[in-house]
PDB file of all heavy atoms in Angstrom:
ATOM      1  N   GLY A   1       0.785  -1.223   0.000  1.00  0.00           N
ATOM      2  CA  GLY A   1       0.000   0.000   0.000  1.00  0.00           C
ATOM      3  C   GLY A   1       0.814   1.269   0.000  1.00  0.00           C
ATOM      4  O   GLY A   1       0.292   2.335   0.351  1.00  0.00           O
ATOM      5  N   HIS A   2       2.078   1.197  -0.410  1.00  0.00           N
ATOM      6  CA  HIS A   2       2.953   2.373  -0.398  1.00  0.00           C
ATOM      7  C   HIS A   2       2.952   3.050  -1.768  1.00  0.00           C
ATOM      8  O   HIS A   2       3.231   2.404  -2.785  1.00  0.00           O
ATOM      9  CB  HIS A   2       4.387   1.964  -0.045  1.00  0.00           C
ATOM     10  CG  HIS A   2       4.519   1.406   1.337  1.00  0.00           C
ATOM     11  ND1 HIS A   2       5.639   0.755   1.774  1.00  0.00           N
ATOM     12  CD2 HIS A   2       3.661   1.414   2.398  1.00  0.00           C
ATOM     13  CE1 HIS A   2       5.463   0.368   3.031  1.00  0.00           C
ATOM     14  NE2 HIS A   2       4.283   0.768   3.424  1.00  0.00           N
ATOM     15  N   PHE A   3       2.608   4.339  -1.807  1.00  0.00           N
ATOM     16  CA  PHE A   3       2.705   5.159  -3.020  1.00  0.00           C
ATOM     17  C   PHE A   3       2.001   4.480  -4.204  1.00  0.00           C
ATOM     18  O   PHE A   3       2.587   4.247  -5.258  1.00  0.00           O
ATOM     19  CB  PHE A   3       4.166   5.440  -3.376  1.00  0.00           C
ATOM     20  CG  PHE A   3       4.977   6.028  -2.267  1.00  0.00           C
ATOM     21  CD1 PHE A   3       5.840   5.236  -1.527  1.00  0.00           C
ATOM     22  CD2 PHE A   3       4.845   7.359  -1.931  1.00  0.00           C
ATOM     23  CE1 PHE A   3       6.585   5.769  -0.488  1.00  0.00           C
ATOM     24  CE2 PHE A   3       5.584   7.910  -0.900  1.00  0.00           C
ATOM     25  CZ  PHE A   3       6.451   7.117  -0.171  1.00  0.00           C
ATOM     26  N   ILE A   4       0.718   4.189  -4.040  1.00  0.00           N
ATOM     27  CA  ILE A   4      -0.012   3.438  -5.069  1.00  0.00           C
ATOM     28  C   ILE A   4      -0.143   4.252  -6.359  1.00  0.00           C
ATOM     29  O   ILE A   4      -0.036   3.709  -7.463  1.00  0.00           O
ATOM     30  CB  ILE A   4      -1.400   3.026  -4.534  1.00  0.00           C
ATOM     31  CG1 ILE A   4      -1.217   1.997  -3.409  1.00  0.00           C
ATOM     32  CG2 ILE A   4      -2.275   2.441  -5.634  1.00  0.00           C
ATOM     33  CD1 ILE A   4      -2.492   1.549  -2.769  1.00  0.00           C
ATOM     34  N   SER A   5      -0.355   5.549  -6.262  1.00  0.00           N
ATOM     35  CA  SER A   5      -0.500   6.372  -7.463  1.00  0.00           C
ATOM     36  C   SER A   5       0.791   6.371  -8.283  1.00  0.00           C
ATOM     37  O   SER A   5       0.765   6.241  -9.512  1.00  0.00           O
ATOM     38  CB  SER A   5      -0.873   7.800  -7.070  1.00  0.00           C
ATOM     39  OG  SER A   5       0.124   8.357  -6.217  1.00  0.00           O
ATOM     40  N   ILE A   6       1.933   6.503  -7.604  1.00  0.00           N
ATOM     41  CA  ILE A   6       3.218   6.494  -8.309  1.00  0.00           C
ATOM     42  C   ILE A   6       3.491   5.117  -8.903  1.00  0.00           C
ATOM     43  O   ILE A   6       4.031   4.981 -10.016  1.00  0.00           O
ATOM     44  CB  ILE A   6       4.353   6.921  -7.357  1.00  0.00           C
ATOM     45  CG1 ILE A   6       4.140   8.371  -6.927  1.00  0.00           C
ATOM     46  CG2 ILE A   6       5.716   6.760  -8.012  1.00  0.00           C
ATOM     47  CD1 ILE A   6       5.101   8.852  -5.877  1.00  0.00           C
ATOM     48  N   VAL A   7       3.103   4.071  -8.190  1.00  0.00           N
ATOM     49  CA  VAL A   7       3.306   2.709  -8.689  1.00  0.00           C
ATOM     50  C   VAL A   7       2.509   2.475  -9.960  1.00  0.00           C
ATOM     51  O   VAL A   7       3.004   1.918 -10.945  1.00  0.00           O
ATOM     52  CB  VAL A   7       2.917   1.685  -7.602  1.00  0.00           C
ATOM     53  CG1 VAL A   7       2.845   0.287  -8.178  1.00  0.00           C
ATOM     54  CG2 VAL A   7       3.921   1.717  -6.469  1.00  0.00           C
ATOM     55  N   VAL A   8       1.260   2.916  -9.989  1.00  0.00           N
ATOM     56  CA  VAL A   8       0.398   2.705 -11.153  1.00  0.00           C
ATOM     57  C   VAL A   8       0.921   3.474 -12.367  1.00  0.00           C
ATOM     58  O   VAL A   8       0.967   2.955 -13.491  1.00  0.00           O
ATOM     59  CB  VAL A   8      -1.047   3.113 -10.809  1.00  0.00           C
ATOM     60  CG1 VAL A   8      -1.916   3.104 -12.056  1.00  0.00           C
ATOM     61  CG2 VAL A   8      -1.625   2.176  -9.765  1.00  0.00           C
ATOM     62  N   ILE A   9       1.351   4.716 -12.159  1.00  0.00           N
ATOM     63  CA  ILE A   9       1.849   5.522 -13.279  1.00  0.00           C
ATOM     64  C   ILE A   9       3.141   4.928 -13.837  1.00  0.00           C
ATOM     65  O   ILE A   9       3.328   4.807 -15.056  1.00  0.00           O
ATOM     66  CB  ILE A   9       2.060   6.980 -12.825  1.00  0.00           C
ATOM     67  CG1 ILE A   9       0.718   7.620 -12.471  1.00  0.00           C
ATOM     68  CG2 ILE A   9       2.749   7.789 -13.921  1.00  0.00           C
ATOM     69  CD1 ILE A   9       0.841   8.962 -11.800  1.00  0.00           C
ATOM     70  N   SER A  10       4.056   4.539 -12.949  1.00  0.00           N
ATOM     71  CA  SER A  10       5.328   3.975 -13.412  1.00  0.00           C
ATOM     72  C   SER A  10       5.122   2.638 -14.124  1.00  0.00           C
ATOM     73  O   SER A  10       5.777   2.350 -15.135  1.00  0.00           O
ATOM     74  CB  SER A  10       6.274   3.802 -12.236  1.00  0.00           C
ATOM     75  OG  SER A  10       5.737   2.893 -11.289  1.00  0.00           O
ATOM     76  N   MET A  11       4.192   1.812 -13.636  1.00  0.00           N
ATOM     77  CA  MET A  11       3.927   0.537 -14.300  1.00  0.00           C
ATOM     78  C   MET A  11       3.267   0.736 -15.659  1.00  0.00           C
ATOM     79  O   MET A  11       3.449  -0.068 -16.578  1.00  0.00           O
ATOM     80  CB  MET A  11       3.044  -0.342 -13.416  1.00  0.00           C
ATOM     81  CG  MET A  11       3.781  -0.952 -12.236  1.00  0.00           C
ATOM     82  SD  MET A  11       2.797  -2.149 -11.325  1.00  0.00           S
ATOM     83  CE  MET A  11       2.755  -3.502 -12.488  1.00  0.00           C
ATOM     84  N   SER A  12       2.503   1.811 -15.827  1.00  0.00           N
ATOM     85  CA  SER A  12       1.929   2.105 -17.147  1.00  0.00           C
ATOM     86  C   SER A  12       3.014   2.452 -18.159  1.00  0.00           C
ATOM     87  O   SER A  12       2.964   2.013 -19.312  1.00  0.00           O
ATOM     88  CB  SER A  12       0.920   3.243 -17.033  1.00  0.00           C
ATOM     89  OG  SER A  12       1.571   4.453 -16.658  1.00  0.00           O
ATOM     90  N   PHE A  13       4.029   3.223 -17.729  1.00  0.00           N
ATOM     91  CA  PHE A  13       5.157   3.531 -18.619  1.00  0.00           C
ATOM     92  C   PHE A  13       5.908   2.258 -19.007  1.00  0.00           C
ATOM     93  O   PHE A  13       6.190   2.014 -20.189  1.00  0.00           O
ATOM     94  CB  PHE A  13       6.120   4.511 -17.934  1.00  0.00           C
ATOM     95  CG  PHE A  13       5.615   5.916 -17.850  1.00  0.00           C
ATOM     96  CD1 PHE A  13       5.564   6.574 -16.639  1.00  0.00           C
ATOM     97  CD2 PHE A  13       5.186   6.590 -18.980  1.00  0.00           C
ATOM     98  CE1 PHE A  13       5.098   7.865 -16.548  1.00  0.00           C
ATOM     99  CE2 PHE A  13       4.717   7.883 -18.901  1.00  0.00           C
ATOM    100  CZ  PHE A  13       4.669   8.526 -17.675  1.00  0.00           C
ATOM    101  N   VAL A  14       6.228   1.454 -18.015  1.00  0.00           N
ATOM    102  CA  VAL A  14       7.040   0.260 -18.273  1.00  0.00           C
ATOM    103  C   VAL A  14       6.262  -0.776 -19.083  1.00  0.00           C
ATOM    104  O   VAL A  14       6.825  -1.471 -19.923  1.00  0.00           O
ATOM    105  CB  VAL A  14       7.536  -0.331 -16.936  1.00  0.00           C
ATOM    106  CG1 VAL A  14       8.295  -1.628 -17.157  1.00  0.00           C
ATOM    107  CG2 VAL A  14       8.434   0.668 -16.224  1.00  0.00           C
ATOM    108  N   SER A  15       4.963  -0.881 -18.856  1.00  0.00           N
ATOM    109  CA  SER A  15       4.171  -1.854 -19.607  1.00  0.00           C
ATOM    110  C   SER A  15       4.110  -1.512 -21.089  1.00  0.00           C
ATOM    111  O   SER A  15       4.169  -2.403 -21.949  1.00  0.00           O
ATOM    112  CB  SER A  15       2.763  -1.931 -19.027  1.00  0.00           C
ATOM    113  OG  SER A  15       2.105  -0.687 -19.150  1.00  0.00           O
ATOM    114  N   ARG A  16       4.029  -0.229 -21.420  1.00  0.00           N
ATOM    115  CA  ARG A  16       4.034   0.162 -22.845  1.00  0.00           C
ATOM    116  C   ARG A  16       5.391  -0.108 -23.479  1.00  0.00           C
ATOM    117  O   ARG A  16       5.469  -0.565 -24.632  1.00  0.00           O
ATOM    118  CB  ARG A  16       3.648   1.638 -22.975  1.00  0.00           C
ATOM    119  CG  ARG A  16       2.182   1.902 -22.716  1.00  0.00           C
ATOM    120  CD  ARG A  16       1.773   3.268 -23.235  1.00  0.00           C
ATOM    121  NE  ARG A  16       2.444   4.335 -22.528  1.00  0.00           N
ATOM    122  CZ  ARG A  16       1.960   4.935 -21.448  1.00  0.00           C
ATOM    123  NH1 ARG A  16       0.816   4.536 -20.934  1.00  0.00           N
ATOM    124  NH2 ARG A  16       2.608   5.928 -20.875  1.00  0.00           N
ATOM    125  N   ILE A  17       6.466   0.161 -22.745  1.00  0.00           N
ATOM    126  CA  ILE A  17       7.800  -0.146 -23.274  1.00  0.00           C
ATOM    127  C   ILE A  17       7.973  -1.650 -23.439  1.00  0.00           C
ATOM    128  O   ILE A  17       8.563  -2.124 -24.426  1.00  0.00           O
ATOM    129  CB  ILE A  17       8.875   0.448 -22.337  1.00  0.00           C
ATOM    130  CG1 ILE A  17       8.867   1.977 -22.419  1.00  0.00           C
ATOM    131  CG2 ILE A  17      10.266  -0.084 -22.685  1.00  0.00           C
ATOM    132  CD1 ILE A  17       9.751   2.652 -21.415  1.00  0.00           C
ATOM    133  N   TRP A  18       7.449  -2.427 -22.492  1.00  0.00           N
ATOM    134  CA  TRP A  18       7.525  -3.893 -22.591  1.00  0.00           C
ATOM    135  C   TRP A  18       6.782  -4.401 -23.826  1.00  0.00           C
ATOM    136  O   TRP A  18       7.281  -5.265 -24.553  1.00  0.00           O
ATOM    137  CB  TRP A  18       6.931  -4.500 -21.322  1.00  0.00           C
ATOM    138  CG  TRP A  18       6.964  -6.000 -21.287  1.00  0.00           C
ATOM    139  CD1 TRP A  18       7.965  -6.796 -20.816  1.00  0.00           C
ATOM    140  CD2 TRP A  18       5.928  -6.889 -21.730  1.00  0.00           C
ATOM    141  NE1 TRP A  18       7.630  -8.127 -20.946  1.00  0.00           N
ATOM    142  CE2 TRP A  18       6.381  -8.209 -21.504  1.00  0.00           C
ATOM    143  CE3 TRP A  18       4.677  -6.700 -22.295  1.00  0.00           C
ATOM    144  CZ2 TRP A  18       5.614  -9.325 -21.827  1.00  0.00           C
ATOM    145  CZ3 TRP A  18       3.911  -7.813 -22.617  1.00  0.00           C
ATOM    146  CH2 TRP A  18       4.381  -9.095 -22.374  1.00  0.00           C
ATOM    147  N   ALA A  19       5.584  -3.866 -24.078  1.00  0.00           N
ATOM    148  CA  ALA A  19       4.794  -4.316 -25.230  1.00  0.00           C
ATOM    149  C   ALA A  19       5.474  -3.952 -26.547  1.00  0.00           C
ATOM    150  O   ALA A  19       5.537  -4.771 -27.479  1.00  0.00           O
ATOM    151  CB  ALA A  19       3.391  -3.710 -25.161  1.00  0.00           C
ATOM    152  N   LEU A  20       6.014  -2.737 -26.647  1.00  0.00           N
ATOM    153  CA  LEU A  20       6.712  -2.332 -27.874  1.00  0.00           C
ATOM    154  C   LEU A  20       7.979  -3.162 -28.082  1.00  0.00           C
ATOM    155  O   LEU A  20       8.293  -3.556 -29.218  1.00  0.00           O
ATOM    156  CB  LEU A  20       7.063  -0.842 -27.805  1.00  0.00           C
ATOM    157  CG  LEU A  20       5.922   0.146 -28.041  1.00  0.00           C
ATOM    158  CD1 LEU A  20       6.392   1.554 -27.730  1.00  0.00           C
ATOM    159  CD2 LEU A  20       5.425   0.064 -29.466  1.00  0.00           C
ATOM    160  N   SER A  21       8.695  -3.440 -27.017  1.00  0.00           N
ATOM    161  CA  SER A  21       9.926  -4.233 -27.139  1.00  0.00           C
ATOM    162  C   SER A  21       9.617  -5.662 -27.572  1.00  0.00           C
ATOM    163  O   SER A  21      10.325  -6.239 -28.404  1.00  0.00           O
ATOM    164  CB  SER A  21      10.678  -4.247 -25.803  1.00  0.00           C
ATOM    165  OG  SER A  21      11.000  -2.940 -25.386  1.00  0.00           O
ATOM    166  N   LEU A  22       8.565  -6.243 -27.024  1.00  0.00           N
ATOM    167  CA  LEU A  22       8.195  -7.609 -27.395  1.00  0.00           C
ATOM    168  C   LEU A  22       7.772  -7.689 -28.854  1.00  0.00           C
ATOM    169  O   LEU A  22       8.175  -8.597 -29.588  1.00  0.00           O
ATOM    170  CB  LEU A  22       7.071  -8.093 -26.488  1.00  0.00           C
ATOM    171  CG  LEU A  22       6.600  -9.537 -26.698  1.00  0.00           C
ATOM    172  CD1 LEU A  22       7.713 -10.522 -26.379  1.00  0.00           C
ATOM    173  CD2 LEU A  22       5.377  -9.835 -25.851  1.00  0.00           C
ATOM    174  N   HIS A  23       6.968  -6.724 -29.295  1.00  0.00           N
ATOM    175  CA  HIS A  23       6.520  -6.718 -30.693  1.00  0.00           C
ATOM    176  C   HIS A  23       7.693  -6.504 -31.648  1.00  0.00           C
ATOM    177  O   HIS A  23       7.781  -7.159 -32.698  1.00  0.00           O
ATOM    178  CB  HIS A  23       5.476  -5.618 -30.877  1.00  0.00           C
ATOM    179  CG  HIS A  23       4.740  -5.699 -32.169  1.00  0.00           C
ATOM    180  ND1 HIS A  23       3.916  -6.752 -32.497  1.00  0.00           N
ATOM    181  CD2 HIS A  23       4.714  -4.859 -33.237  1.00  0.00           C
ATOM    182  CE1 HIS A  23       3.400  -6.558 -33.694  1.00  0.00           C
ATOM    183  NE2 HIS A  23       3.872  -5.424 -34.166  1.00  0.00           N
ATOM    184  N   THR A  24       8.599  -5.602 -31.290  1.00  0.00           N
ATOM    185  CA  THR A  24       9.771  -5.360 -32.140  1.00  0.00           C
ATOM    186  C   THR A  24      10.694  -6.565 -32.164  1.00  0.00           C
ATOM    187  O   THR A  24      11.285  -6.885 -33.199  1.00  0.00           O
ATOM    188  CB  THR A  24      10.533  -4.121 -31.634  1.00  0.00           C
ATOM    189  OG1 THR A  24       9.621  -3.044 -31.450  1.00  0.00           O
ATOM    190  CG2 THR A  24      11.594  -3.695 -32.626  1.00  0.00           C
ATOM    191  N   MET A  25      10.828  -7.257 -31.041  1.00  0.00           N
ATOM    192  CA  MET A  25      11.683  -8.439 -31.004  1.00  0.00           C
ATOM    193  C   MET A  25      11.144  -9.544 -31.903  1.00  0.00           C
ATOM    194  O   MET A  25      11.892 -10.170 -32.660  1.00  0.00           O
ATOM    195  CB  MET A  25      11.811  -8.944 -29.565  1.00  0.00           C
ATOM    196  CG  MET A  25      12.829 -10.065 -29.391  1.00  0.00           C
ATOM    197  SD  MET A  25      12.941 -10.692 -27.693  1.00  0.00           S
ATOM    198  CE  MET A  25      11.398 -11.581 -27.578  1.00  0.00           C
ATOM    199  N   TYR A  26       9.837  -9.787 -31.849  1.00  0.00           N
ATOM    200  CA  TYR A  26       9.239 -10.778 -32.743  1.00  0.00           C
ATOM    201  C   TYR A  26       9.411 -10.387 -34.210  1.00  0.00           C
ATOM    202  O   TYR A  26       9.664 -11.226 -35.068  1.00  0.00           O
ATOM    203  CB  TYR A  26       7.753 -10.943 -32.430  1.00  0.00           C
ATOM    204  CG  TYR A  26       7.466 -11.753 -31.197  1.00  0.00           C
ATOM    205  CD1 TYR A  26       6.330 -11.509 -30.423  1.00  0.00           C
ATOM    206  CD2 TYR A  26       8.311 -12.781 -30.783  1.00  0.00           C
ATOM    207  CE1 TYR A  26       6.057 -12.246 -29.287  1.00  0.00           C
ATOM    208  CE2 TYR A  26       8.046 -13.517 -29.647  1.00  0.00           C
ATOM    209  CZ  TYR A  26       6.924 -13.253 -28.909  1.00  0.00           C
ATOM    210  OH  TYR A  26       6.658 -13.983 -27.789  1.00  0.00           O
ATOM    211  N   PHE A  27       9.260  -9.097 -34.478  1.00  0.00           N
ATOM    212  CA  PHE A  27       9.417  -8.591 -35.852  1.00  0.00           C
ATOM    213  C   PHE A  27      10.838  -8.811 -36.364  1.00  0.00           C
ATOM    214  O   PHE A  27      11.051  -9.262 -37.502  1.00  0.00           O
ATOM    215  CB  PHE A  27       9.044  -7.115 -35.875  1.00  0.00           C
ATOM    216  CG  PHE A  27       9.305  -6.423 -37.186  1.00  0.00           C
ATOM    217  CD1 PHE A  27       8.467  -6.612 -38.260  1.00  0.00           C
ATOM    218  CD2 PHE A  27      10.394  -5.581 -37.327  1.00  0.00           C
ATOM    219  CE1 PHE A  27       8.704  -5.976 -39.462  1.00  0.00           C
ATOM    220  CE2 PHE A  27      10.639  -4.937 -38.517  1.00  0.00           C
ATOM    221  CZ  PHE A  27       9.793  -5.129 -39.591  1.00  0.00           C
ATOM    222  N   LEU A  28      11.838  -8.520 -35.541  1.00  0.00           N
ATOM    223  CA  LEU A  28      13.226  -8.665 -35.964  1.00  0.00           C
ATOM    224  C   LEU A  28      13.655 -10.131 -36.038  1.00  0.00           C
ATOM    225  O   LEU A  28      14.490 -10.493 -36.872  1.00  0.00           O
ATOM    226  CB  LEU A  28      14.144  -7.892 -35.011  1.00  0.00           C
ATOM    227  CG  LEU A  28      13.970  -6.366 -35.005  1.00  0.00           C
ATOM    228  CD1 LEU A  28      14.927  -5.729 -34.027  1.00  0.00           C
ATOM    229  CD2 LEU A  28      14.170  -5.782 -36.392  1.00  0.00           C
ATOM    230  N   ILE A  29      13.105 -10.975 -35.172  1.00  0.00           N
ATOM    231  CA  ILE A  29      13.417 -12.410 -35.251  1.00  0.00           C
ATOM    232  C   ILE A  29      12.910 -12.991 -36.568  1.00  0.00           C
ATOM    233  O   ILE A  29      13.592 -13.789 -37.230  1.00  0.00           O
ATOM    234  CB  ILE A  29      12.810 -13.147 -34.044  1.00  0.00           C
ATOM    235  CG1 ILE A  29      13.629 -12.852 -32.783  1.00  0.00           C
ATOM    236  CG2 ILE A  29      12.764 -14.652 -34.275  1.00  0.00           C
ATOM    237  CD1 ILE A  29      13.018 -13.400 -31.514  1.00  0.00           C
ATOM    238  N   LYS A  30      11.715 -12.590 -36.970  1.00  0.00           N
ATOM    239  CA  LYS A  30      11.163 -13.059 -38.244  1.00  0.00           C
ATOM    240  C   LYS A  30      11.987 -12.530 -39.416  1.00  0.00           C
ATOM    241  O   LYS A  30      12.248 -13.251 -40.388  1.00  0.00           O
ATOM    242  CB  LYS A  30       9.709 -12.606 -38.357  1.00  0.00           C
ATOM    243  CG  LYS A  30       8.985 -13.166 -39.555  1.00  0.00           C
ATOM    244  CD  LYS A  30       7.535 -12.711 -39.553  1.00  0.00           C
ATOM    245  CE  LYS A  30       6.813 -13.265 -40.785  1.00  0.00           C
ATOM    246  NZ  LYS A  30       5.392 -12.813 -40.808  1.00  0.00           N
ATOM    247  N   LEU A  31      12.424 -11.270 -39.331  1.00  0.00           N
ATOM    248  CA  LEU A  31      13.259 -10.701 -40.392  1.00  0.00           C
ATOM    249  C   LEU A  31      14.607 -11.409 -40.463  1.00  0.00           C
ATOM    250  O   LEU A  31      15.134 -11.681 -41.558  1.00  0.00           O
ATOM    251  CB  LEU A  31      13.446  -9.201 -40.140  1.00  0.00           C
ATOM    252  CG  LEU A  31      14.329  -8.435 -41.112  1.00  0.00           C
ATOM    253  CD1 LEU A  31      13.756  -8.487 -42.527  1.00  0.00           C
ATOM    254  CD2 LEU A  31      14.495  -6.989 -40.662  1.00  0.00           C
ATOM    255  N   PHE A  32      15.186 -11.722 -39.321  1.00  0.00           N
ATOM    256  CA  PHE A  32      16.470 -12.431 -39.288  1.00  0.00           C
ATOM    257  C   PHE A  32      16.359 -13.809 -39.927  1.00  0.00           C
ATOM    258  O   PHE A  32      17.256 -14.244 -40.658  1.00  0.00           O
ATOM    259  CB  PHE A  32      16.954 -12.552 -37.839  1.00  0.00           C
ATOM    260  CG  PHE A  32      18.251 -13.288 -37.680  1.00  0.00           C
ATOM    261  CD1 PHE A  32      19.467 -12.613 -37.729  1.00  0.00           C
ATOM    262  CD2 PHE A  32      18.280 -14.662 -37.478  1.00  0.00           C
ATOM    263  CE1 PHE A  32      20.666 -13.286 -37.586  1.00  0.00           C
ATOM    264  CE2 PHE A  32      19.472 -15.341 -37.324  1.00  0.00           C
ATOM    265  CZ  PHE A  32      20.669 -14.654 -37.384  1.00  0.00           C
ATOM    266  N   SER A  33      15.270 -14.525 -39.658  1.00  0.00           N
ATOM    267  CA  SER A  33      15.115 -15.879 -40.223  1.00  0.00           C
ATOM    268  C   SER A  33      14.981 -15.834 -41.731  1.00  0.00           C
ATOM    269  O   SER A  33      15.513 -16.699 -42.438  1.00  0.00           O
ATOM    270  CB  SER A  33      13.889 -16.553 -39.602  1.00  0.00           C
ATOM    271  OG  SER A  33      12.717 -15.822 -39.911  1.00  0.00           O
ATOM    272  N   SER A  34      14.284 -14.821 -42.273  1.00  0.00           N
ATOM    273  CA  SER A  34      14.162 -14.710 -43.731  1.00  0.00           C
ATOM    274  C   SER A  34      15.489 -14.360 -44.390  1.00  0.00           C
ATOM    275  O   SER A  34      15.843 -14.913 -45.439  1.00  0.00           O
ATOM    276  CB  SER A  34      13.107 -13.665 -44.089  1.00  0.00           C
ATOM    277  OG  SER A  34      13.489 -12.386 -43.608  1.00  0.00           O
ATOM    278  N   ILE A  35      16.273 -13.467 -43.766  1.00  0.00           N
ATOM    279  CA  ILE A  35      17.593 -13.110 -44.317  1.00  0.00           C
ATOM    280  C   ILE A  35      18.554 -14.287 -44.186  1.00  0.00           C
ATOM    281  O   ILE A  35      19.353 -14.555 -45.089  1.00  0.00           O
ATOM    282  CB  ILE A  35      18.138 -11.852 -43.611  1.00  0.00           C
ATOM    283  CG1 ILE A  35      17.280 -10.644 -43.946  1.00  0.00           C
ATOM    284  CG2 ILE A  35      19.577 -11.578 -44.020  1.00  0.00           C
ATOM    285  CD1 ILE A  35      17.640  -9.395 -43.173  1.00  0.00           C
ATOM    286  N   SER A  36      18.457 -15.014 -43.074  1.00  0.00           N
ATOM    287  CA  SER A  36      19.342 -16.159 -42.878  1.00  0.00           C
ATOM    288  C   SER A  36      19.060 -17.277 -43.869  1.00  0.00           C
ATOM    289  O   SER A  36      19.982 -17.948 -44.345  1.00  0.00           O
ATOM    290  CB  SER A  36      19.182 -16.672 -41.444  1.00  0.00           C
ATOM    291  OG  SER A  36      20.000 -17.798 -41.216  1.00  0.00           O
ATOM    292  N   SER A  37      17.788 -17.497 -44.198  1.00  0.00           N
ATOM    293  CA  SER A  37      17.458 -18.539 -45.179  1.00  0.00           C
ATOM    294  C   SER A  37      18.010 -18.199 -46.563  1.00  0.00           C
ATOM    295  O   SER A  37      18.454 -19.089 -47.294  1.00  0.00           O
ATOM    296  CB  SER A  37      15.940 -18.719 -45.248  1.00  0.00           C
ATOM    297  OG  SER A  37      15.315 -17.523 -45.664  1.00  0.00           O
ATOM    298  N   ILE A  38      18.017 -16.918 -46.929  1.00  0.00           N
ATOM    299  CA  ILE A  38      18.588 -16.512 -48.219  1.00  0.00           C
ATOM    300  C   ILE A  38      20.102 -16.600 -48.179  1.00  0.00           C
ATOM    301  O   ILE A  38      20.754 -17.032 -49.148  1.00  0.00           O
ATOM    302  CB  ILE A  38      18.137 -15.080 -48.566  1.00  0.00           C
ATOM    303  CG1 ILE A  38      16.622 -15.037 -48.797  1.00  0.00           C
ATOM    304  CG2 ILE A  38      18.864 -14.551 -49.790  1.00  0.00           C
ATOM    305  CD1 ILE A  38      16.133 -15.776 -50.013  1.00  0.00           C
ATOM    306  N   SER A  39      20.692 -16.212 -47.054  1.00  0.00           N
ATOM    307  CA  SER A  39      22.153 -16.199 -46.959  1.00  0.00           C
ATOM    308  C   SER A  39      22.753 -17.595 -46.968  1.00  0.00           C
ATOM    309  O   SER A  39      23.849 -17.802 -47.509  1.00  0.00           O
ATOM    310  CB  SER A  39      22.571 -15.452 -45.693  1.00  0.00           C
ATOM    311  OG  SER A  39      23.965 -15.450 -45.522  1.00  0.00           O
ATOM    312  N   HIS A  40      22.058 -18.581 -46.381  1.00  0.00           N
ATOM    313  CA  HIS A  40      22.599 -19.931 -46.281  1.00  0.00           C
ATOM    314  C   HIS A  40      22.243 -20.820 -47.471  1.00  0.00           C
ATOM    315  O   HIS A  40      22.655 -21.990 -47.511  1.00  0.00           O
ATOM    316  CB  HIS A  40      22.115 -20.603 -44.988  1.00  0.00           C
ATOM    317  CG  HIS A  40      22.762 -20.053 -43.755  1.00  0.00           C
ATOM    318  ND1 HIS A  40      22.283 -18.946 -43.096  1.00  0.00           N
ATOM    319  CD2 HIS A  40      23.867 -20.455 -43.060  1.00  0.00           C
ATOM    320  CE1 HIS A  40      23.056 -18.680 -42.043  1.00  0.00           C
ATOM    321  NE2 HIS A  40      24.010 -19.586 -41.998  1.00  0.00           N
TER     322      HIS A  40
END
């Protein structure tokens, strides 16, 4: 129960960064596999 307002705001920032990072990671992994299949 400590600083609930600050906790909620900070978790909203981090959750959006987490979602963007996860989506970008999946996107780049798929791009890497397509480039690797052509390269090999």
